[in-house]
């Protein structure tokens, strides 16, 4: 019975402490995050130059801003479909952007879990 009580024990975590630990962990990972940001912009430029993105409604070539939007939506794995890549290279870059988004989501989730564990006093 004691193990069941310990299993379902509810702890309160100071939200300010959790946010502080999250920012602290992000600061320690700043070189990785900067590298990931650079990779994102390189993929955006490659998409703009080689992917031939177009607005699917008007069939007009996408501007660099629309290409950034397309890459962001693709990396977030949302994929609205209002801007599309029309070349094989562009489609391959879209797949890379999707995989990139999964990687960034995993890193962010890991940092958040670590921060909550630190705030709760469970991690060293």
Protein backbone atom coordinates (compact mmCIF):
# COMPACT_ATOMS: atom_id res chain seq x y z
CA UNK A 1 0.00 0.00 0.00
CA UNK A 2 2.88 2.33 0.77
CA UNK A 3 4.31 1.87 -2.72
CA UNK A 4 0.95 2.81 -4.26
CA UNK A 5 0.86 6.02 -2.23
CA UNK A 6 4.37 6.84 -3.33
CA UNK A 7 3.48 6.08 -6.94
CA UNK A 8 0.56 8.51 -6.98
CA UNK A 9 2.22 11.21 -4.89
CA UNK A 10 1.54 14.64 -6.39
CA UNK A 11 4.31 17.19 -6.18
CA UNK A 12 4.02 20.87 -6.81
CA UNK A 13 6.63 22.51 -8.95
CA UNK A 14 7.39 26.21 -8.87
CA UNK A 15 6.63 27.44 -12.38
CA UNK A 16 9.22 30.22 -12.16
CA UNK A 17 11.87 27.68 -11.26
CA UNK A 18 10.82 25.47 -14.19
CA UNK A 19 11.01 28.41 -16.61
CA UNK A 20 14.41 29.38 -15.19
CA UNK A 21 15.69 25.82 -15.64
CA UNK A 22 14.30 25.71 -19.20
CA UNK A 23 16.09 28.92 -20.14
CA UNK A 24 19.24 27.70 -18.40
CA UNK A 25 19.18 24.43 -20.36
CA UNK A 26 18.60 26.33 -23.62
CA UNK A 27 21.57 28.56 -22.77
CA UNK A 28 23.77 25.49 -22.33
CA UNK A 29 22.61 24.20 -25.71
CA UNK A 30 23.05 27.54 -27.47
CA UNK A 31 25.71 26.29 -29.90
CA UNK A 32 23.49 23.37 -30.96
CA UNK A 33 20.48 25.68 -31.32
CA UNK A 34 22.47 28.19 -33.38
CA UNK A 35 23.66 25.37 -35.62
CA UNK A 36 20.06 24.15 -36.06
CA UNK A 37 18.95 27.68 -36.93
CA UNK A 38 21.72 27.97 -39.52
CA UNK A 39 20.70 24.61 -41.01
CA UNK A 40 17.12 25.85 -41.24
CA UNK A 41 18.12 28.99 -43.12
CA UNK A 42 20.39 27.01 -45.45
CA UNK A 43 17.46 24.70 -46.23
CA UNK A 44 15.25 27.77 -46.82
CA UNK A 45 17.73 29.30 -49.25
CA UNK A 46 18.16 25.95 -51.02
CA UNK A 47 14.38 25.62 -51.27
CA UNK A 48 14.09 29.12 -52.72
CA UNK A 49 16.86 28.54 -55.26
CA UNK A 50 16.26 24.91 -56.28
CA UNK A 51 12.78 23.95 -55.07
CA UNK A 52 10.83 26.36 -57.27
CA UNK A 53 8.11 26.94 -54.65
CA UNK A 54 4.85 28.34 -56.02
CA UNK A 55 1.63 29.64 -54.55
CA UNK A 56 -0.81 26.80 -55.25
CA UNK A 57 -3.79 29.14 -55.74
CA UNK A 58 -2.24 31.54 -58.26
CA UNK A 59 0.61 29.37 -59.60
CA UNK A 60 2.88 32.42 -59.17
CA UNK A 61 6.45 31.85 -57.99
CA UNK A 62 6.76 32.25 -54.23
CA UNK A 63 8.75 35.13 -52.78
CA UNK A 64 11.53 34.48 -50.28
CA UNK A 65 9.14 35.40 -47.45
CA UNK A 66 6.60 32.86 -48.68
CA UNK A 67 9.40 30.32 -48.96
CA UNK A 68 10.38 30.95 -45.32
CA UNK A 69 6.73 30.49 -44.38
CA UNK A 70 6.56 27.26 -46.39
CA UNK A 71 9.72 25.93 -44.76
CA UNK A 72 8.48 26.84 -41.29
CA UNK A 73 5.10 25.19 -41.84
CA UNK A 74 6.82 22.11 -43.27
CA UNK A 75 9.31 21.92 -40.38
CA UNK A 76 6.43 22.15 -37.93
CA UNK A 77 4.91 19.21 -39.86
CA UNK A 78 1.69 21.16 -40.44
CA UNK A 79 1.79 21.40 -44.23
CA UNK A 80 -1.10 23.65 -45.24
CA UNK A 81 -0.49 23.19 -48.95
CA UNK A 82 -0.88 26.82 -49.95
CA UNK A 83 2.76 26.94 -51.07
CA UNK A 84 4.22 23.86 -52.74
CA UNK A 85 7.57 22.72 -54.08
CA UNK A 86 7.47 21.82 -57.77
CA UNK A 87 10.83 20.17 -58.44
CA UNK A 88 12.27 16.88 -57.29
CA UNK A 89 14.95 18.69 -55.32
CA UNK A 90 12.27 20.82 -53.68
CA UNK A 91 10.30 17.76 -52.66
CA UNK A 92 13.44 16.14 -51.25
CA UNK A 93 14.18 19.34 -49.32
CA UNK A 94 10.60 19.26 -47.99
CA UNK A 95 11.22 15.78 -46.61
CA UNK A 96 14.46 16.99 -45.02
CA UNK A 97 12.60 19.93 -43.50
CA UNK A 98 10.01 17.56 -42.03
CA UNK A 99 12.74 15.38 -40.51
CA UNK A 100 14.47 18.53 -39.26
CA UNK A 101 11.23 19.58 -37.57
CA UNK A 102 10.93 16.25 -35.80
CA UNK A 103 14.52 16.62 -34.56
CA UNK A 104 13.92 20.14 -33.24
CA UNK A 105 10.67 19.07 -31.59
CA UNK A 106 12.49 16.21 -29.87
CA UNK A 107 15.27 18.49 -28.61
CA UNK A 108 12.77 21.04 -27.31
CA UNK A 109 10.72 18.36 -25.57
CA UNK A 110 13.84 16.85 -24.00
CA UNK A 111 14.94 20.27 -22.70
CA UNK A 112 11.46 20.91 -21.26
CA UNK A 113 11.38 17.53 -19.49
CA UNK A 114 14.89 18.09 -18.14
CA UNK A 115 13.90 21.54 -16.87
CA UNK A 116 10.84 20.18 -15.06
CA UNK A 117 12.94 17.40 -13.52
CA UNK A 118 15.50 19.96 -12.33
CA UNK A 119 12.75 22.17 -10.92
CA UNK A 120 11.32 19.18 -9.06
CA UNK A 121 14.77 18.28 -7.74
CA UNK A 122 14.92 14.88 -9.46
CA UNK A 123 17.82 15.51 -11.85
CA UNK A 124 21.39 16.27 -11.00
